[in-house]
C-alpha cells in the first residue's frame, strides 16, 4: 500500500515549535496549496493542509522558514483522534513531514517577513554593495568579484580566465 503526500505551498503562519516531555521537538504548521483551476470569479482557490514535523527536522524547519515562505514537503497522511474537554471525539487528518525543501532563496525569506522564531535574521546590514550574481561581475571576463564575498577569503579566483585562450591538445582529453 502507498501513503505518500508531496505538496508545494506557502506557510500560513510561523511554525509552532514545541517539545514533548521526553524532549522531542515537534512543529505544527499549515500549508496553503493553490488548486490547479480557477473558480467562477476567475480566482484561484487554495487548500489549507495541516502538517506536523518531528525532531531535528522540526527545529531546522522552524529556524529557516517563516509565514509566507514557499516550501515543498514530502510525507505521509495520518489520521488520529482524541476526546476533547466537552467529551466529543475529534478526528484529525494531517501530513507527517519526512522531507522538506526550501523553494525560495534565503534573501527572499528575509525580505518577506523578518520573524524567524526568535532567531537572528540574516538580512544584509550596513552600506556594503550586494552582489546578486554569485559568479562575479560579467565585466571582468569571468573573474570573481571578491569585494562582495562574505566568506572572508580574499584570495584570487583560481579558475578566473584573464581572457587568454586555454591550449589543450586532443591527447589530453578523456574522450
C-alpha atoms as a PDB file:
ATOM      1  CA  UNK A   1       0.000   0.000   0.000  1.00  0.00           C
ATOM      2  CA  UNK A   2       1.138   3.539  -0.743  1.00  0.00           C
ATOM      3  CA  UNK A   3       0.665   6.531   1.509  1.00  0.00           C
ATOM      4  CA  UNK A   4       2.644   9.442   0.067  1.00  0.00           C
ATOM      5  CA  UNK A   5       1.903  13.165   0.028  1.00  0.00           C
ATOM      6  CA  UNK A   6       4.025  15.641  -1.929  1.00  0.00           C
ATOM      7  CA  UNK A   7       2.956  19.278  -1.588  1.00  0.00           C
ATOM      8  CA  UNK A   8       4.219  22.698  -2.593  1.00  0.00           C
ATOM      9  CA  UNK A   9       2.745  25.730  -0.916  1.00  0.00           C
ATOM     10  CA  UNK A  10       3.210  28.681   1.393  1.00  0.00           C
ATOM     11  CA  UNK A  11       3.182  28.689   5.185  1.00  0.00           C
ATOM     12  CA  UNK A  12       0.088  30.422   6.570  1.00  0.00           C
ATOM     13  CA  UNK A  13       1.885  31.237   9.841  1.00  0.00           C
ATOM     14  CA  UNK A  14       5.217  30.651  11.555  1.00  0.00           C
ATOM     15  CA  UNK A  15       5.879  27.094  12.658  1.00  0.00           C
ATOM     16  CA  UNK A  16       4.567  26.328  16.159  1.00  0.00           C
ATOM     17  CA  UNK A  17       7.607  24.561  17.636  1.00  0.00           C
ATOM     18  CA  UNK A  18       7.108  22.693  20.925  1.00  0.00           C
ATOM     19  CA  UNK A  19       8.823  19.918  22.828  1.00  0.00           C
ATOM     20  CA  UNK A  20       7.360  16.702  24.196  1.00  0.00           C
ATOM     21  CA  UNK A  21       8.012  15.770  27.844  1.00  0.00           C
ATOM     22  CA  UNK A  22      10.740  13.410  26.592  1.00  0.00           C
ATOM     23  CA  UNK A  23      12.446  16.306  24.782  1.00  0.00           C
ATOM     24  CA  UNK A  24      11.490  15.552  21.159  1.00  0.00           C
ATOM     25  CA  UNK A  25      10.825  18.644  19.054  1.00  0.00           C
ATOM     26  CA  UNK A  26       7.520  18.796  17.187  1.00  0.00           C
ATOM     27  CA  UNK A  27       6.438  21.532  14.805  1.00  0.00           C
ATOM     28  CA  UNK A  28       2.903  22.202  13.596  1.00  0.00           C
ATOM     29  CA  UNK A  29       2.064  24.392  10.633  1.00  0.00           C
ATOM     30  CA  UNK A  30      -0.497  24.881   7.902  1.00  0.00           C
ATOM     31  CA  UNK A  31       0.428  24.891   4.228  1.00  0.00           C
ATOM     32  CA  UNK A  32      -1.675  26.832   1.712  1.00  0.00           C
ATOM     33  CA  UNK A  33      -1.657  24.883  -1.562  1.00  0.00           C
ATOM     34  CA  UNK A  34      -3.166  26.523  -4.647  1.00  0.00           C
ATOM     35  CA  UNK A  35      -5.612  24.494  -6.710  1.00  0.00           C
ATOM     36  CA  UNK A  36      -4.897  23.899 -10.396  1.00  0.00           C
ATOM     37  CA  UNK A  37      -8.101  25.556 -11.608  1.00  0.00           C
ATOM     38  CA  UNK A  38      -9.909  28.859 -11.019  1.00  0.00           C
ATOM     39  CA  UNK A  39     -13.441  29.385  -9.691  1.00  0.00           C
ATOM     40  CA  UNK A  40     -16.328  31.198 -11.432  1.00  0.00           C
ATOM     41  CA  UNK A  41     -14.822  34.583 -10.493  1.00  0.00           C
ATOM     42  CA  UNK A  42     -11.566  33.583 -12.201  1.00  0.00           C
ATOM     43  CA  UNK A  43      -9.827  33.397  -8.820  1.00  0.00           C
ATOM     44  CA  UNK A  44      -7.550  30.597  -7.718  1.00  0.00           C
ATOM     45  CA  UNK A  45      -8.643  28.856  -4.522  1.00  0.00           C
ATOM     46  CA  UNK A  46      -6.341  27.160  -2.035  1.00  0.00           C
ATOM     47  CA  UNK A  47      -6.490  24.201   0.296  1.00  0.00           C
ATOM     48  CA  UNK A  48      -5.094  24.584   3.794  1.00  0.00           C
ATOM     49  CA  UNK A  49      -3.279  21.408   4.810  1.00  0.00           C
ATOM     50  CA  UNK A  50      -2.317  20.739   8.441  1.00  0.00           C
ATOM     51  CA  UNK A  51       1.210  19.365   8.780  1.00  0.00           C
ATOM     52  CA  UNK A  52       3.419  18.089  11.580  1.00  0.00           C
ATOM     53  CA  UNK A  53       7.203  17.646  11.561  1.00  0.00           C
ATOM     54  CA  UNK A  54       9.347  15.962  14.213  1.00  0.00           C
ATOM     55  CA  UNK A  55      12.758  16.083  15.907  1.00  0.00           C
ATOM     56  CA  UNK A  56      15.777  17.865  14.373  1.00  0.00           C
ATOM     57  CA  UNK A  57      13.898  18.434  11.118  1.00  0.00           C
ATOM     58  CA  UNK A  58      11.274  20.373  13.088  1.00  0.00           C
ATOM     59  CA  UNK A  59      13.921  22.618  14.642  1.00  0.00           C
ATOM     60  CA  UNK A  60      15.585  23.255  11.278  1.00  0.00           C
ATOM     61  CA  UNK A  61      12.261  23.892   9.556  1.00  0.00           C
ATOM     62  CA  UNK A  62      11.212  26.374  12.252  1.00  0.00           C
ATOM     63  CA  UNK A  63      14.576  28.176  12.113  1.00  0.00           C
ATOM     64  CA  UNK A  64      14.727  28.566   8.342  1.00  0.00           C
ATOM     65  CA  UNK A  65      11.105  29.332   7.450  1.00  0.00           C
ATOM     66  CA  UNK A  66       8.510  31.946   8.314  1.00  0.00           C
ATOM     67  CA  UNK A  67       4.968  32.919   7.418  1.00  0.00           C
ATOM     68  CA  UNK A  68       4.613  33.151   3.623  1.00  0.00           C
ATOM     69  CA  UNK A  69       7.699  31.040   2.806  1.00  0.00           C
ATOM     70  CA  UNK A  70       7.391  28.779  -0.245  1.00  0.00           C
ATOM     71  CA  UNK A  71       8.254  25.210   0.711  1.00  0.00           C
ATOM     72  CA  UNK A  72       7.970  21.715  -0.673  1.00  0.00           C
ATOM     73  CA  UNK A  73       7.180  18.846   1.645  1.00  0.00           C
ATOM     74  CA  UNK A  74       7.148  15.088   1.306  1.00  0.00           C
ATOM     75  CA  UNK A  75       5.457  12.846   3.840  1.00  0.00           C
ATOM     76  CA  UNK A  76       2.529  10.628   4.635  1.00  0.00           C
ATOM     77  CA  UNK A  77      -1.086  11.297   5.542  1.00  0.00           C
ATOM     78  CA  UNK A  78      -2.029  10.267   9.055  1.00  0.00           C
ATOM     79  CA  UNK A  79      -5.297  10.339  10.961  1.00  0.00           C
ATOM     80  CA  UNK A  80      -5.680  10.364  14.714  1.00  0.00           C
ATOM     81  CA  UNK A  81      -8.472  11.062  17.155  1.00  0.00           C
ATOM     82  CA  UNK A  82      -8.882  12.226  20.704  1.00  0.00           C
ATOM     83  CA  UNK A  83     -11.618  13.227  23.116  1.00  0.00           C
ATOM     84  CA  UNK A  84     -11.871  16.970  23.778  1.00  0.00           C
ATOM     85  CA  UNK A  85     -12.875  18.681  27.031  1.00  0.00           C
ATOM     86  CA  UNK A  86     -16.560  18.514  26.116  1.00  0.00           C
ATOM     87  CA  UNK A  87     -16.333  14.736  25.751  1.00  0.00           C
ATOM     88  CA  UNK A  88     -16.656  14.781  21.956  1.00  0.00           C
ATOM     89  CA  UNK A  89     -14.489  12.609  19.696  1.00  0.00           C
ATOM     90  CA  UNK A  90     -12.308  14.816  17.426  1.00  0.00           C
ATOM     91  CA  UNK A  91     -10.698  13.387  14.289  1.00  0.00           C
ATOM     92  CA  UNK A  92      -7.568  14.991  12.851  1.00  0.00           C
ATOM     93  CA  UNK A  93      -6.037  14.345   9.431  1.00  0.00           C
ATOM     94  CA  UNK A  94      -2.559  15.748   8.817  1.00  0.00           C
ATOM     95  CA  UNK A  95       0.579  15.241   6.775  1.00  0.00           C
ATOM     96  CA  UNK A  96       3.537  13.906   8.758  1.00  0.00           C
ATOM     97  CA  UNK A  97       6.500  15.562   7.037  1.00  0.00           C
ATOM     98  CA  UNK A  98       9.503  13.344   6.374  1.00  0.00           C
ATOM     99  CA  UNK A  99      11.438  15.624   3.988  1.00  0.00           C
ATOM    100  CA  UNK A 100      11.198  19.279   3.075  1.00  0.00           C
ATOM    101  CA  UNK A 101      12.783  21.723   0.646  1.00  0.00           C
ATOM    102  CA  UNK A 102      13.036  25.497   0.884  1.00  0.00           C
ATOM    103  CA  UNK A 103      11.950  26.742  -2.537  1.00  0.00           C
ATOM    104  CA  UNK A 104      12.950  30.393  -2.275  1.00  0.00           C
ATOM    105  CA  UNK A 105      16.371  31.973  -1.894  1.00  0.00           C
ATOM    106  CA  UNK A 106      17.323  32.904   1.623  1.00  0.00           C
ATOM    107  CA  UNK A 107      17.263  36.619   0.756  1.00  0.00           C
ATOM    108  CA  UNK A 108      13.609  36.325  -0.311  1.00  0.00           C
ATOM    109  CA  UNK A 109      12.786  34.738   3.045  1.00  0.00           C
ATOM    110  CA  UNK A 110      14.414  37.590   4.954  1.00  0.00           C
ATOM    111  CA  UNK A 111      12.700  40.311   2.954  1.00  0.00           C
ATOM    112  CA  UNK A 112       9.224  38.755   3.107  1.00  0.00           C
ATOM    113  CA  UNK A 113       8.959  38.613   6.884  1.00  0.00           C
ATOM    114  CA  UNK A 114      11.628  39.288   9.433  1.00  0.00           C
ATOM    115  CA  UNK A 115      10.378  36.950  12.139  1.00  0.00           C
ATOM    116  CA  UNK A 116      12.007  33.555  12.236  1.00  0.00           C
ATOM    117  CA  UNK A 117      11.034  32.197  15.608  1.00  0.00           C
ATOM    118  CA  UNK A 118      13.341  34.353  17.697  1.00  0.00           C
ATOM    119  CA  UNK A 119      16.493  33.711  15.708  1.00  0.00           C
ATOM    120  CA  UNK A 120      18.556  36.466  14.211  1.00  0.00           C
ATOM    121  CA  UNK A 121      17.643  37.356  10.675  1.00  0.00           C
ATOM    122  CA  UNK A 122      20.343  37.209   8.077  1.00  0.00           C
ATOM    123  CA  UNK A 123      19.408  40.347   6.193  1.00  0.00           C
ATOM    124  CA  UNK A 124      22.396  42.342   4.990  1.00  0.00           C
ATOM    125  CA  UNK A 125      23.438  45.227   7.205  1.00  0.00           C
ATOM    126  CA  UNK A 126      25.481  48.332   6.564  1.00  0.00           C
ATOM    127  CA  UNK A 127      26.146  50.014   3.256  1.00  0.00           C
ATOM    128  CA  UNK A 128      28.141  47.260   1.565  1.00  0.00           C
ATOM    129  CA  UNK A 129      27.137  46.656  -2.044  1.00  0.00           C
ATOM    130  CA  UNK A 130      25.227  43.432  -2.562  1.00  0.00           C
ATOM    131  CA  UNK A 131      26.369  41.148  -5.370  1.00  0.00           C
ATOM    132  CA  UNK A 132      23.369  39.175  -6.592  1.00  0.00           C
ATOM    133  CA  UNK A 133      25.472  37.300  -9.148  1.00  0.00           C
ATOM    134  CA  UNK A 134      27.388  34.550  -7.317  1.00  0.00           C
ATOM    135  CA  UNK A 135      29.707  34.098 -10.299  1.00  0.00           C
ATOM    136  CA  UNK A 136      31.173  37.594 -10.231  1.00  0.00           C
ATOM    137  CA  UNK A 137      30.906  40.686 -12.380  1.00  0.00           C
ATOM    138  CA  UNK A 138      30.323  39.956 -16.093  1.00  0.00           C
ATOM    139  CA  UNK A 139      32.646  42.864 -16.990  1.00  0.00           C
ATOM    140  CA  UNK A 140      35.690  41.071 -15.590  1.00  0.00           C
ATOM    141  CA  UNK A 141      35.706  38.261 -18.179  1.00  0.00           C
ATOM    142  CA  UNK A 142      34.560  35.656 -15.653  1.00  0.00           C
ATOM    143  CA  UNK A 143      36.812  36.690 -12.757  1.00  0.00           C
ATOM    144  CA  UNK A 144      35.042  36.599  -9.427  1.00  0.00           C
ATOM    145  CA  UNK A 145      34.333  39.890  -7.739  1.00  0.00           C
ATOM    146  CA  UNK A 146      35.927  39.222  -4.359  1.00  0.00           C
ATOM    147  CA  UNK A 147      34.864  42.571  -2.892  1.00  0.00           C
ATOM    148  CA  UNK A 148      31.327  41.295  -2.321  1.00  0.00           C
ATOM    149  CA  UNK A 149      32.043  37.830  -1.000  1.00  0.00           C
ATOM    150  CA  UNK A 150      31.156  37.275   2.627  1.00  0.00           C
ATOM    151  CA  UNK A 151      33.298  34.209   3.232  1.00  0.00           C
ATOM    152  CA  UNK A 152      36.327  36.187   4.422  1.00  0.00           C
ATOM    153  CA  UNK A 153      38.546  34.585   1.782  1.00  0.00           C
ATOM    154  CA  UNK A 154      40.356  37.325  -0.161  1.00  0.00           C
ATOM    155  CA  UNK A 155      42.343  35.037  -2.438  1.00  0.00           C
ATOM    156  CA  UNK A 156      42.008  35.433  -6.190  1.00  0.00           C
ATOM    157  CA  UNK A 157      39.747  33.002  -8.003  1.00  0.00           C
ATOM    158  CA  UNK A 158      41.988  30.154  -9.254  1.00  0.00           C
ATOM    159  CA  UNK A 159      39.537  29.426 -12.058  1.00  0.00           C
ATOM    160  CA  UNK A 160      39.338  33.001 -13.355  1.00  0.00           C
ATOM    161  CA  UNK A 161      40.110  33.489 -17.019  1.00  0.00           C
ATOM    162  CA  UNK A 162      42.203  36.531 -17.943  1.00  0.00           C
ATOM    163  CA  UNK A 163      40.899  36.419 -21.481  1.00  0.00           C
ATOM    164  CA  UNK A 164      43.747  34.143 -22.598  1.00  0.00           C
ATOM    165  CA  UNK A 165      42.788  31.053 -24.527  1.00  0.00           C
ATOM    166  CA  UNK A 166      43.465  27.683 -22.943  1.00  0.00           C
ATOM    167  CA  UNK A 167      45.507  25.347 -25.127  1.00  0.00           C
ATOM    168  CA  UNK A 168      44.617  21.675 -24.630  1.00  0.00           C
ATOM    169  CA  UNK A 169      45.727  19.005 -27.064  1.00  0.00           C
ATOM    170  CA  UNK A 170      43.376  16.251 -28.171  1.00  0.00           C
ATOM    171  CA  UNK A 171      45.621  13.747 -26.391  1.00  0.00           C
ATOM    172  CA  UNK A 172      44.783  15.330 -23.031  1.00  0.00           C
ATOM    173  CA  UNK A 173      41.012  14.898 -23.414  1.00  0.00           C
ATOM    174  CA  UNK A 174      39.426  11.740 -21.939  1.00  0.00           C
ATOM    175  CA  UNK A 175      37.109  11.213 -24.904  1.00  0.00           C
END
